[in-house]
Amino acid sequence: MTQLTEMEPDVGDDVVLLTVPADGGYLGVLRTATAGLAARLHFALDEIEDLRIAVDEACAMLLAIATRDAELECRFTVTEDALTVEVTVSTVRGARLPSESSFAWKVLTALTTSAEAESSGRHATIRLLTQRTEF
């Protein structure tokens, strides 16, 4: 598993925190927030859709190992040319995220600039970074 590096937002970065129940029925809220923030950065439509799919895939990975009544904690960090989406959930004992050679990880790395994961104790986090392409 790739280790996440703790990254505090710089002055001027926008940070949005959103917490929803760890239930597939609430993923639409996270996808919509993702699309709205990416549109604010003037991402191309295909980049927005790729990021929405990546967030959905990351959340699906986390839902598979979430404890009952868990919450998905989502932190969006908006910079001048990038959007970072970090999703964390409390996990069942012994839970493991899919390996980086799995199809799910191939999807994440194909759709974003970078994807990282960390599983420590009873929590798992997936961080997705997408930088806007310049035209």
N, C-alpha and C. Protein backbone atom coordinates (compact mmCIF):
# COMPACT_ATOMS: atom_id res chain seq x y z
N MET A 1 0.83 -1.17 0.00
CA MET A 1 0.00 0.00 0.00
C MET A 1 0.88 1.24 0.00
N THR A 2 0.54 2.21 -0.75
CA THR A 2 1.26 3.48 -0.79
C THR A 2 0.96 4.25 0.49
N GLN A 3 1.96 4.85 1.06
CA GLN A 3 1.81 5.63 2.29
C GLN A 3 1.34 7.03 1.95
N LEU A 4 0.36 7.51 2.67
CA LEU A 4 -0.10 8.88 2.48
C LEU A 4 0.81 9.83 3.22
N THR A 5 1.10 10.93 2.61
CA THR A 5 1.87 11.96 3.29
C THR A 5 0.90 13.00 3.80
N GLU A 6 1.08 13.39 5.05
CA GLU A 6 0.20 14.39 5.64
C GLU A 6 0.44 15.71 4.94
N MET A 7 -0.61 16.30 4.44
CA MET A 7 -0.47 17.52 3.69
C MET A 7 -1.48 18.53 4.21
N GLU A 8 -1.00 19.58 4.84
CA GLU A 8 -1.88 20.64 5.31
C GLU A 8 -2.10 21.61 4.16
N PRO A 9 -3.32 22.11 4.03
CA PRO A 9 -3.57 23.06 2.95
C PRO A 9 -2.78 24.34 3.15
N ASP A 10 -2.33 24.93 2.04
CA ASP A 10 -1.65 26.21 2.08
C ASP A 10 -2.67 27.32 2.31
N VAL A 11 -2.18 28.44 2.79
CA VAL A 11 -3.05 29.59 2.91
C VAL A 11 -3.59 29.91 1.52
N GLY A 12 -4.86 30.10 1.42
CA GLY A 12 -5.47 30.37 0.12
C GLY A 12 -6.13 29.15 -0.49
N ASP A 13 -5.77 27.94 -0.03
CA ASP A 13 -6.45 26.74 -0.50
C ASP A 13 -7.84 26.70 0.11
N ASP A 14 -8.79 26.18 -0.62
CA ASP A 14 -10.14 25.97 -0.10
C ASP A 14 -10.24 24.52 0.32
N VAL A 15 -10.80 24.30 1.51
CA VAL A 15 -11.00 22.94 2.01
C VAL A 15 -12.48 22.78 2.33
N VAL A 16 -13.06 21.71 1.79
CA VAL A 16 -14.46 21.39 2.05
C VAL A 16 -14.49 20.03 2.72
N LEU A 17 -15.15 19.94 3.86
CA LEU A 17 -15.31 18.69 4.58
C LEU A 17 -16.76 18.25 4.46
N LEU A 18 -16.96 16.99 4.08
CA LEU A 18 -18.30 16.46 3.89
C LEU A 18 -18.35 15.06 4.48
N THR A 19 -19.29 14.81 5.37
CA THR A 19 -19.44 13.50 6.00
C THR A 19 -20.82 12.95 5.67
N VAL A 20 -20.85 11.72 5.17
CA VAL A 20 -22.11 11.05 4.84
C VAL A 20 -22.08 9.64 5.41
N PRO A 21 -23.25 9.04 5.63
CA PRO A 21 -23.26 7.64 6.07
C PRO A 21 -22.54 6.75 5.05
N ALA A 22 -21.86 5.73 5.55
CA ALA A 22 -21.16 4.79 4.67
C ALA A 22 -22.18 3.83 4.06
N ASP A 23 -22.90 4.37 3.11
CA ASP A 23 -23.98 3.63 2.46
C ASP A 23 -23.98 4.07 1.00
N GLY A 24 -24.09 3.11 0.11
CA GLY A 24 -24.05 3.41 -1.32
C GLY A 24 -25.06 4.44 -1.76
N GLY A 25 -26.16 4.56 -1.04
CA GLY A 25 -27.19 5.53 -1.39
C GLY A 25 -26.74 6.97 -1.26
N TYR A 26 -25.66 7.21 -0.55
CA TYR A 26 -25.16 8.58 -0.34
C TYR A 26 -23.99 8.94 -1.24
N LEU A 27 -23.54 8.02 -2.08
CA LEU A 27 -22.40 8.30 -2.94
C LEU A 27 -22.70 9.39 -3.96
N GLY A 28 -23.95 9.53 -4.33
CA GLY A 28 -24.34 10.58 -5.26
C GLY A 28 -24.01 11.97 -4.72
N VAL A 29 -24.10 12.13 -3.40
CA VAL A 29 -23.77 13.41 -2.78
C VAL A 29 -22.28 13.71 -2.99
N LEU A 30 -21.43 12.70 -2.79
CA LEU A 30 -19.99 12.90 -2.96
C LEU A 30 -19.64 13.12 -4.43
N ARG A 31 -20.30 12.39 -5.32
CA ARG A 31 -20.04 12.58 -6.76
C ARG A 31 -20.44 14.00 -7.19
N THR A 32 -21.58 14.47 -6.69
CA THR A 32 -22.04 15.81 -7.05
C THR A 32 -21.11 16.89 -6.51
N ALA A 33 -20.66 16.73 -5.27
CA ALA A 33 -19.71 17.69 -4.69
C ALA A 33 -18.42 17.69 -5.49
N THR A 34 -17.95 16.52 -5.86
CA THR A 34 -16.73 16.40 -6.66
C THR A 34 -16.88 17.14 -7.98
N ALA A 35 -17.98 16.91 -8.67
CA ALA A 35 -18.20 17.55 -9.97
C ALA A 35 -18.30 19.06 -9.82
N GLY A 36 -18.97 19.52 -8.79
CA GLY A 36 -19.11 20.96 -8.58
C GLY A 36 -17.78 21.65 -8.33
N LEU A 37 -16.96 21.02 -7.49
CA LEU A 37 -15.65 21.62 -7.19
C LEU A 37 -14.72 21.56 -8.40
N ALA A 38 -14.77 20.46 -9.15
CA ALA A 38 -13.95 20.36 -10.35
C ALA A 38 -14.38 21.38 -11.40
N ALA A 39 -15.69 21.61 -11.51
CA ALA A 39 -16.19 22.62 -12.46
C ALA A 39 -15.72 24.01 -12.05
N ARG A 40 -15.66 24.25 -10.74
CA ARG A 40 -15.17 25.54 -10.23
C ARG A 40 -13.73 25.80 -10.68
N LEU A 41 -12.96 24.71 -10.82
CA LEU A 41 -11.57 24.83 -11.28
C LEU A 41 -11.46 24.85 -12.81
N HIS A 42 -12.59 24.83 -13.47
CA HIS A 42 -12.64 24.84 -14.94
C HIS A 42 -12.03 23.58 -15.54
N PHE A 43 -12.24 22.43 -14.88
CA PHE A 43 -11.83 21.16 -15.46
C PHE A 43 -12.67 20.93 -16.71
N ALA A 44 -12.10 20.22 -17.67
CA ALA A 44 -12.85 19.83 -18.85
C ALA A 44 -13.93 18.82 -18.45
N LEU A 45 -14.98 18.72 -19.24
CA LEU A 45 -16.08 17.81 -18.90
C LEU A 45 -15.61 16.37 -18.73
N ASP A 46 -14.70 15.90 -19.58
CA ASP A 46 -14.22 14.52 -19.45
C ASP A 46 -13.39 14.34 -18.18
N GLU A 47 -12.66 15.38 -17.76
CA GLU A 47 -11.89 15.30 -16.51
C GLU A 47 -12.84 15.24 -15.32
N ILE A 48 -13.92 16.00 -15.37
CA ILE A 48 -14.91 15.97 -14.29
C ILE A 48 -15.52 14.58 -14.18
N GLU A 49 -15.90 14.02 -15.31
CA GLU A 49 -16.52 12.69 -15.29
C GLU A 49 -15.53 11.63 -14.80
N ASP A 50 -14.28 11.71 -15.24
CA ASP A 50 -13.26 10.77 -14.76
C ASP A 50 -13.11 10.85 -13.24
N LEU A 51 -13.09 12.06 -12.72
CA LEU A 51 -12.94 12.24 -11.28
C LEU A 51 -14.16 11.72 -10.53
N ARG A 52 -15.34 11.94 -11.06
CA ARG A 52 -16.56 11.40 -10.43
C ARG A 52 -16.50 9.88 -10.36
N ILE A 53 -16.06 9.25 -11.44
CA ILE A 53 -15.96 7.78 -11.46
C ILE A 53 -14.90 7.32 -10.47
N ALA A 54 -13.78 8.02 -10.40
CA ALA A 54 -12.71 7.65 -9.47
C ALA A 54 -13.17 7.76 -8.01
N VAL A 55 -13.89 8.82 -7.69
CA VAL A 55 -14.41 8.98 -6.32
C VAL A 55 -15.39 7.86 -6.02
N ASP A 56 -16.24 7.53 -6.96
CA ASP A 56 -17.19 6.44 -6.78
C ASP A 56 -16.47 5.11 -6.53
N GLU A 57 -15.43 4.83 -7.30
CA GLU A 57 -14.66 3.59 -7.16
C GLU A 57 -13.94 3.55 -5.82
N ALA A 58 -13.33 4.66 -5.41
CA ALA A 58 -12.64 4.72 -4.11
C ALA A 58 -13.61 4.47 -2.97
N CYS A 59 -14.78 5.10 -3.05
CA CYS A 59 -15.78 4.91 -2.00
C CYS A 59 -16.28 3.46 -1.97
N ALA A 60 -16.45 2.86 -3.13
CA ALA A 60 -16.88 1.45 -3.18
C ALA A 60 -15.86 0.55 -2.48
N MET A 61 -14.57 0.83 -2.69
CA MET A 61 -13.52 0.06 -1.99
C MET A 61 -13.66 0.21 -0.48
N LEU A 62 -13.90 1.44 -0.04
CA LEU A 62 -13.99 1.69 1.39
C LEU A 62 -15.28 1.13 1.99
N LEU A 63 -16.38 1.20 1.25
CA LEU A 63 -17.63 0.64 1.76
C LEU A 63 -17.53 -0.86 2.01
N ALA A 64 -16.73 -1.53 1.20
CA ALA A 64 -16.57 -2.99 1.33
C ALA A 64 -15.91 -3.39 2.65
N ILE A 65 -15.19 -2.46 3.29
CA ILE A 65 -14.48 -2.79 4.53
C ILE A 65 -14.92 -1.94 5.70
N ALA A 66 -15.99 -1.17 5.52
CA ALA A 66 -16.47 -0.26 6.56
C ALA A 66 -17.21 -1.00 7.67
N THR A 67 -17.12 -0.45 8.87
CA THR A 67 -17.89 -0.98 9.99
C THR A 67 -19.36 -0.63 9.81
N ARG A 68 -20.20 -1.35 10.51
CA ARG A 68 -21.63 -1.03 10.50
C ARG A 68 -21.82 0.36 11.08
N ASP A 69 -22.69 1.14 10.52
CA ASP A 69 -22.98 2.50 10.96
C ASP A 69 -21.80 3.45 10.83
N ALA A 70 -20.84 3.13 9.97
CA ALA A 70 -19.69 4.01 9.75
C ALA A 70 -20.11 5.22 8.92
N GLU A 71 -19.23 6.21 8.88
CA GLU A 71 -19.43 7.38 8.04
C GLU A 71 -18.24 7.54 7.11
N LEU A 72 -18.52 7.99 5.90
CA LEU A 72 -17.45 8.35 4.97
C LEU A 72 -17.13 9.82 5.22
N GLU A 73 -15.89 10.07 5.59
CA GLU A 73 -15.44 11.44 5.80
C GLU A 73 -14.65 11.85 4.57
N CYS A 74 -15.13 12.86 3.89
CA CYS A 74 -14.52 13.28 2.63
C CYS A 74 -13.99 14.69 2.78
N ARG A 75 -12.72 14.85 2.43
CA ARG A 75 -12.05 16.16 2.50
C ARG A 75 -11.61 16.53 1.09
N PHE A 76 -12.15 17.63 0.60
CA PHE A 76 -11.80 18.15 -0.72
C PHE A 76 -10.88 19.34 -0.51
N THR A 77 -9.72 19.31 -1.14
CA THR A 77 -8.81 20.45 -1.08
C THR A 77 -8.67 21.01 -2.49
N VAL A 78 -9.05 22.27 -2.64
CA VAL A 78 -9.05 22.93 -3.94
C VAL A 78 -7.88 23.90 -3.98
N THR A 79 -7.01 23.72 -4.96
CA THR A 79 -5.91 24.65 -5.19
C THR A 79 -6.14 25.32 -6.54
N GLU A 80 -5.19 26.10 -6.97
CA GLU A 80 -5.35 26.84 -8.22
C GLU A 80 -5.58 25.93 -9.42
N ASP A 81 -4.92 24.77 -9.46
CA ASP A 81 -5.01 23.91 -10.64
C ASP A 81 -5.22 22.44 -10.32
N ALA A 82 -5.65 22.13 -9.09
CA ALA A 82 -5.82 20.72 -8.73
C ALA A 82 -6.93 20.56 -7.69
N LEU A 83 -7.46 19.36 -7.66
CA LEU A 83 -8.45 18.98 -6.66
C LEU A 83 -7.98 17.67 -6.02
N THR A 84 -7.85 17.69 -4.69
CA THR A 84 -7.51 16.49 -3.95
C THR A 84 -8.75 16.04 -3.20
N VAL A 85 -9.08 14.77 -3.33
CA VAL A 85 -10.22 14.18 -2.63
C VAL A 85 -9.68 13.09 -1.74
N GLU A 86 -9.91 13.23 -0.44
CA GLU A 86 -9.42 12.26 0.54
C GLU A 86 -10.63 11.70 1.28
N VAL A 87 -10.84 10.39 1.18
CA VAL A 87 -11.99 9.75 1.79
C VAL A 87 -11.49 8.76 2.85
N THR A 88 -12.08 8.85 4.06
CA THR A 88 -11.68 8.00 5.18
C THR A 88 -12.91 7.32 5.76
N VAL A 89 -12.73 6.09 6.22
CA VAL A 89 -13.81 5.35 6.86
C VAL A 89 -13.24 4.48 7.97
N SER A 90 -14.03 4.24 9.01
CA SER A 90 -13.61 3.27 10.03
C SER A 90 -13.87 1.88 9.47
N THR A 91 -12.93 0.96 9.74
CA THR A 91 -12.98 -0.35 9.10
C THR A 91 -13.16 -1.47 10.12
N VAL A 92 -13.64 -2.60 9.61
CA VAL A 92 -13.75 -3.79 10.43
C VAL A 92 -12.36 -4.32 10.75
N ARG A 93 -12.26 -5.06 11.81
CA ARG A 93 -10.97 -5.63 12.22
C ARG A 93 -10.39 -6.50 11.11
N GLY A 94 -9.12 -6.30 10.81
CA GLY A 94 -8.43 -7.10 9.80
C GLY A 94 -8.73 -6.71 8.37
N ALA A 95 -9.42 -5.60 8.17
CA ALA A 95 -9.80 -5.19 6.81
C ALA A 95 -8.57 -4.81 6.00
N ARG A 96 -8.63 -5.11 4.71
CA ARG A 96 -7.54 -4.76 3.80
C ARG A 96 -8.12 -4.16 2.54
N LEU A 97 -7.48 -3.12 2.07
CA LEU A 97 -7.86 -2.55 0.78
C LEU A 97 -7.35 -3.44 -0.34
N PRO A 98 -7.96 -3.36 -1.52
CA PRO A 98 -7.45 -4.14 -2.65
C PRO A 98 -5.99 -3.77 -2.95
N SER A 99 -5.24 -4.71 -3.47
CA SER A 99 -3.84 -4.45 -3.79
C SER A 99 -3.73 -3.47 -4.94
N GLU A 100 -2.58 -2.82 -5.04
CA GLU A 100 -2.36 -1.84 -6.09
C GLU A 100 -2.32 -2.47 -7.48
N SER A 101 -2.24 -3.79 -7.56
CA SER A 101 -2.27 -4.46 -8.86
C SER A 101 -3.70 -4.88 -9.25
N SER A 102 -4.67 -4.59 -8.39
CA SER A 102 -6.06 -4.97 -8.66
C SER A 102 -6.67 -4.07 -9.74
N PHE A 103 -7.75 -4.54 -10.32
CA PHE A 103 -8.45 -3.77 -11.34
C PHE A 103 -8.94 -2.43 -10.78
N ALA A 104 -9.44 -2.44 -9.56
CA ALA A 104 -9.95 -1.21 -8.94
C ALA A 104 -8.86 -0.14 -8.87
N TRP A 105 -7.64 -0.54 -8.50
CA TRP A 105 -6.55 0.44 -8.43
C TRP A 105 -6.12 0.89 -9.82
N LYS A 106 -6.20 0.01 -10.78
CA LYS A 106 -5.88 0.41 -12.17
C LYS A 106 -6.85 1.48 -12.63
N VAL A 107 -8.13 1.34 -12.24
CA VAL A 107 -9.12 2.34 -12.59
C VAL A 107 -8.76 3.68 -11.95
N LEU A 108 -8.44 3.66 -10.65
CA LEU A 108 -8.10 4.90 -9.95
C LEU A 108 -6.90 5.60 -10.55
N THR A 109 -5.87 4.86 -10.87
CA THR A 109 -4.66 5.49 -11.40
C THR A 109 -4.84 5.94 -12.85
N ALA A 110 -5.75 5.31 -13.57
CA ALA A 110 -6.01 5.73 -14.94
C ALA A 110 -6.85 7.01 -14.99
N LEU A 111 -7.68 7.21 -13.98
CA LEU A 111 -8.62 8.33 -14.00
C LEU A 111 -8.14 9.58 -13.26
N THR A 112 -7.04 9.46 -12.51
CA THR A 112 -6.55 10.58 -11.71
C THR A 112 -5.07 10.80 -11.97
N THR A 113 -4.56 11.91 -11.48
CA THR A 113 -3.13 12.17 -11.58
C THR A 113 -2.36 11.22 -10.67
N SER A 114 -2.90 11.00 -9.45
CA SER A 114 -2.30 10.03 -8.54
C SER A 114 -3.35 9.53 -7.56
N ALA A 115 -3.13 8.32 -7.08
CA ALA A 115 -4.02 7.71 -6.09
C ALA A 115 -3.14 7.04 -5.04
N GLU A 116 -3.47 7.27 -3.78
CA GLU A 116 -2.71 6.69 -2.67
C GLU A 116 -3.69 6.14 -1.65
N ALA A 117 -3.22 5.21 -0.83
CA ALA A 117 -4.06 4.65 0.21
C ALA A 117 -3.25 4.40 1.47
N GLU A 118 -3.96 4.42 2.57
CA GLU A 118 -3.35 4.10 3.86
C GLU A 118 -4.39 3.38 4.69
N SER A 119 -3.95 2.35 5.34
CA SER A 119 -4.81 1.63 6.27
C SER A 119 -4.05 1.51 7.57
N SER A 120 -4.57 2.15 8.61
CA SER A 120 -3.87 2.11 9.89
C SER A 120 -4.88 1.92 11.01
N GLY A 121 -4.60 0.98 11.87
CA GLY A 121 -5.53 0.73 12.97
C GLY A 121 -6.90 0.36 12.44
N ARG A 122 -7.87 1.15 12.79
CA ARG A 122 -9.24 0.85 12.41
C ARG A 122 -9.80 1.84 11.39
N HIS A 123 -8.91 2.48 10.62
CA HIS A 123 -9.33 3.43 9.60
C HIS A 123 -8.58 3.18 8.29
N ALA A 124 -9.25 3.46 7.19
CA ALA A 124 -8.62 3.39 5.88
C ALA A 124 -8.92 4.69 5.15
N THR A 125 -7.93 5.17 4.40
CA THR A 125 -8.05 6.42 3.66
C THR A 125 -7.56 6.22 2.24
N ILE A 126 -8.29 6.80 1.31
CA ILE A 126 -7.85 6.84 -0.09
C ILE A 126 -7.79 8.31 -0.48
N ARG A 127 -6.66 8.70 -1.07
CA ARG A 127 -6.48 10.09 -1.53
C ARG A 127 -6.30 10.08 -3.05
N LEU A 128 -7.09 10.92 -3.70
CA LEU A 128 -7.03 11.07 -5.14
C LEU A 128 -6.64 12.50 -5.47
N LEU A 129 -5.67 12.67 -6.33
CA LEU A 129 -5.24 13.99 -6.78
C LEU A 129 -5.47 14.07 -8.28
N THR A 130 -6.15 15.13 -8.70
CA THR A 130 -6.34 15.36 -10.12
C THR A 130 -5.94 16.80 -10.42
N GLN A 131 -4.98 16.93 -11.33
CA GLN A 131 -4.56 18.25 -11.76
C GLN A 131 -5.23 18.58 -13.08
N ARG A 132 -5.64 19.82 -13.20
CA ARG A 132 -6.30 20.27 -14.43
C ARG A 132 -5.28 20.27 -15.57
N THR A 133 -5.68 19.77 -16.71
CA THR A 133 -4.81 19.82 -17.87
C THR A 133 -4.91 21.20 -18.47
N GLU A 134 -3.79 21.70 -18.94
CA GLU A 134 -3.75 23.03 -19.54
C GLU A 134 -4.03 22.91 -21.02
N PHE A 135 -4.74 23.85 -21.54
CA PHE A 135 -5.06 23.84 -22.98
C PHE A 135 -4.25 24.86 -23.70
